[in-house]
Amino acid sequence: MTASRLERLLPWACLLSAGVLFASELMTIFELTPRGAEPLDDVLARDQHGNAMFVIAGFAIILTIIAVWTGSRPAALGVAVMGVIALLIFLIVDLPDAGQVGTLDDARQSFIDAEAVPQGGFWLEMLGALGLALSGGALATMSSEQLESLRGKFFRRGTPKPKAEANS
């Protein structure tokens, strides 16, 4: 059984989504900005959820490679689970904070109201989590044979069997 061209892109979509999720953890997720003023502080993604996205992205990459290399359906399901966990963290931890106004204790002035303005890390985290959940879910629906067919002709296990000669 051979995979279609679109199916061959699925592991790459999983790896790309995990990479985006990993990169989002290195970025600013919110800027704390008083109304009509310059940003006073940044909230880094790793401060928001303690490097959880690094771990999730790492597991997703490893599980994607295992799923394709061995044809393991449980590993493919694990990729989908990593995507769902990342999406839940985004929805439960980060999304409610977007646009919230709260009191910021600044050393220059006392108790300033500032808004949490989403930055690039917020949007990358959303894209990476959603992409990993969707592409991981699609990968999890494939059979073992379909997963193995994604490996490509250069990485097939064993040696090819010689074709039987036709009797003339």
Protein backbone atom coordinates (compact mmCIF):
# COMPACT_ATOMS: atom_id res chain seq x y z
CA MET A 1 0.00 0.00 0.00
CA THR A 2 1.46 3.34 -1.01
CA ALA A 3 0.62 6.70 0.45
CA SER A 4 -0.78 9.53 -1.62
CA ARG A 5 1.15 12.76 -2.00
CA LEU A 6 -1.06 14.49 0.53
CA GLU A 7 -0.60 11.70 3.08
CA ARG A 8 3.19 11.95 2.66
CA LEU A 9 2.99 15.55 3.91
CA LEU A 10 1.29 14.54 7.15
CA PRO A 11 4.43 13.67 9.17
CA TRP A 12 6.04 16.88 7.93
CA ALA A 13 2.99 18.83 9.13
CA CYS A 14 3.36 17.20 12.56
CA LEU A 15 7.08 18.03 12.71
CA LEU A 16 6.51 21.59 11.50
CA SER A 17 3.73 22.17 14.03
CA ALA A 18 5.92 20.82 16.83
CA GLY A 19 8.73 23.12 15.68
CA VAL A 20 6.41 26.13 15.73
CA LEU A 21 5.24 25.14 19.20
CA PHE A 22 8.87 24.85 20.33
CA ALA A 23 9.73 28.27 18.85
CA SER A 24 6.72 29.90 20.52
CA GLU A 25 8.11 28.95 23.92
CA LEU A 26 11.17 31.14 23.24
CA MET A 27 9.11 34.26 22.50
CA THR A 28 7.16 36.96 24.27
CA ILE A 29 3.54 35.94 24.73
CA PHE A 30 2.12 39.19 26.19
CA GLU A 31 3.20 42.79 26.57
CA LEU A 32 1.80 44.55 29.61
CA THR A 33 0.77 47.96 28.32
CA PRO A 34 -1.02 50.80 30.14
CA ARG A 35 -3.68 52.54 28.06
CA GLY A 36 -2.08 55.10 25.76
CA ALA A 37 1.46 54.37 26.92
CA GLU A 38 4.49 52.30 25.99
CA PRO A 39 4.73 48.65 27.11
CA LEU A 40 6.10 48.34 30.63
CA ASP A 41 6.82 44.62 30.84
CA ASP A 42 6.86 41.39 28.83
CA VAL A 43 5.52 37.99 29.76
CA LEU A 44 7.58 35.21 28.20
CA ALA A 45 5.88 31.98 27.20
CA ARG A 46 8.23 29.89 29.32
CA ASP A 47 7.26 31.98 32.35
CA GLN A 48 3.57 31.46 31.58
CA HIS A 49 3.65 27.64 31.54
CA GLY A 50 7.06 26.57 32.76
CA ASN A 51 8.57 25.22 29.52
CA ALA A 52 5.73 22.72 29.04
CA MET A 53 5.63 23.40 25.30
CA PHE A 54 9.30 22.38 24.97
CA VAL A 55 8.47 18.99 26.46
CA ILE A 56 5.30 18.57 24.39
CA ALA A 57 7.05 19.54 21.15
CA GLY A 58 9.96 17.20 21.90
CA PHE A 59 7.67 14.26 22.58
CA ALA A 60 5.62 15.04 19.46
CA ILE A 61 8.76 15.02 17.29
CA ILE A 62 10.01 11.74 18.76
CA LEU A 63 6.58 10.09 18.51
CA THR A 64 6.14 11.22 14.89
CA ILE A 65 9.48 9.66 13.94
CA ILE A 66 8.62 6.43 15.79
CA ALA A 67 5.14 6.27 14.21
CA VAL A 68 6.49 6.60 10.68
CA TRP A 69 9.62 4.50 11.15
CA THR A 70 7.93 1.55 12.85
CA GLY A 71 4.33 1.96 11.72
CA SER A 72 3.25 2.28 15.36
CA ARG A 73 -0.36 3.37 15.74
CA PRO A 74 0.09 4.03 19.51
CA ALA A 75 2.94 6.44 18.69
CA ALA A 76 0.72 8.18 16.13
CA LEU A 77 -2.00 8.45 18.77
CA GLY A 78 0.61 9.90 21.11
CA VAL A 79 1.28 12.69 18.60
CA ALA A 80 -2.43 13.55 18.62
CA VAL A 81 -2.48 13.49 22.43
CA MET A 82 0.50 15.88 22.56
CA GLY A 83 -1.39 18.23 20.23
CA VAL A 84 -4.53 18.10 22.36
CA ILE A 85 -2.52 18.77 25.53
CA ALA A 86 -0.82 21.77 23.89
CA LEU A 87 -4.19 23.06 22.71
CA LEU A 88 -5.69 22.67 26.19
CA ILE A 89 -2.79 24.57 27.75
CA PHE A 90 -3.31 27.35 25.22
CA LEU A 91 -7.08 27.47 25.80
CA ILE A 92 -6.98 27.18 29.60
CA VAL A 93 -3.82 29.10 30.53
CA ASP A 94 -3.06 31.64 27.81
CA LEU A 95 -6.28 32.56 26.03
CA PRO A 96 -8.12 33.80 29.15
CA ASP A 97 -5.24 36.21 29.88
CA ALA A 98 -5.34 37.85 26.44
CA GLY A 99 -6.70 41.37 26.64
CA GLN A 100 -7.14 41.28 30.41
CA VAL A 101 -6.54 44.51 32.31
CA GLY A 102 -4.97 44.24 35.73
CA THR A 103 -2.89 46.13 38.22
CA LEU A 104 0.84 46.14 37.59
CA ASP A 105 3.19 47.03 40.43
CA ASP A 106 5.88 49.11 38.74
CA ALA A 107 8.90 50.45 40.65
CA ARG A 108 8.68 53.77 38.77
CA GLN A 109 5.03 54.32 39.67
CA SER A 110 2.77 52.52 42.06
CA PHE A 111 -0.04 50.28 40.82
CA ILE A 112 -0.65 50.95 37.14
CA ASP A 113 -3.49 49.34 35.19
CA ALA A 114 -2.03 47.48 32.21
CA GLU A 115 -3.50 45.31 29.48
CA ALA A 116 -2.03 41.95 28.46
CA VAL A 117 -1.58 42.48 24.71
CA PRO A 118 -0.92 39.22 22.77
CA GLN A 119 2.40 39.11 20.94
CA GLY A 120 4.02 36.79 18.39
CA GLY A 121 4.58 33.94 20.83
CA PHE A 122 0.86 33.83 21.60
CA TRP A 123 -0.09 33.49 17.95
CA LEU A 124 2.66 30.96 17.18
CA GLU A 125 1.60 28.88 20.16
CA MET A 126 -1.98 28.90 18.88
CA LEU A 127 -0.91 27.84 15.38
CA GLY A 128 1.48 25.17 16.62
CA ALA A 129 -1.00 23.66 19.08
CA LEU A 130 -3.86 23.66 16.60
CA GLY A 131 -1.67 22.30 13.80
CA LEU A 132 -0.26 19.55 16.00
CA ALA A 133 -3.70 18.53 17.25
CA LEU A 134 -5.14 18.36 13.73
CA SER A 135 -2.19 16.75 11.95
CA GLY A 136 -1.57 14.38 14.88
CA GLY A 137 -5.23 13.42 14.83
CA ALA A 138 -5.04 12.69 11.12
CA LEU A 139 -1.85 10.66 11.64
CA ALA A 140 -3.59 8.64 14.37
CA THR A 141 -6.34 7.56 11.95
CA MET A 142 -3.86 5.79 9.67
CA SER A 143 -3.24 2.04 9.74
CA SER A 144 0.19 0.56 10.48
CA GLU A 145 0.69 -0.19 6.79
CA GLN A 146 -0.18 3.37 5.83
CA LEU A 147 2.21 4.74 8.44
CA GLU A 148 5.03 2.50 7.18
CA SER A 149 4.37 3.57 3.60
CA LEU A 150 5.12 7.17 4.62
CA ARG A 151 8.75 6.25 5.21
CA GLY A 152 9.77 6.56 1.59
CA LYS A 153 11.72 4.23 -0.67
CA PHE A 154 15.14 5.14 0.75
CA PHE A 155 14.25 4.15 4.30
CA ARG A 156 12.43 0.86 3.75
CA ARG A 157 13.35 -2.00 6.04
CA GLY A 158 15.10 -5.01 4.56
CA THR A 159 16.10 -5.56 0.99
CA PRO A 160 13.67 -5.53 -1.89
CA LYS A 161 12.55 -8.95 -3.06
CA PRO A 162 13.52 -9.84 -6.63
CA LYS A 163 10.65 -9.97 -9.10
CA ALA A 164 9.63 -13.47 -10.16
CA GLU A 165 10.44 -14.20 -13.77
CA ALA A 166 7.50 -14.95 -16.01
CA ASN A 167 7.51 -18.30 -17.79
CA SER A 168 7.85 -17.94 -21.53
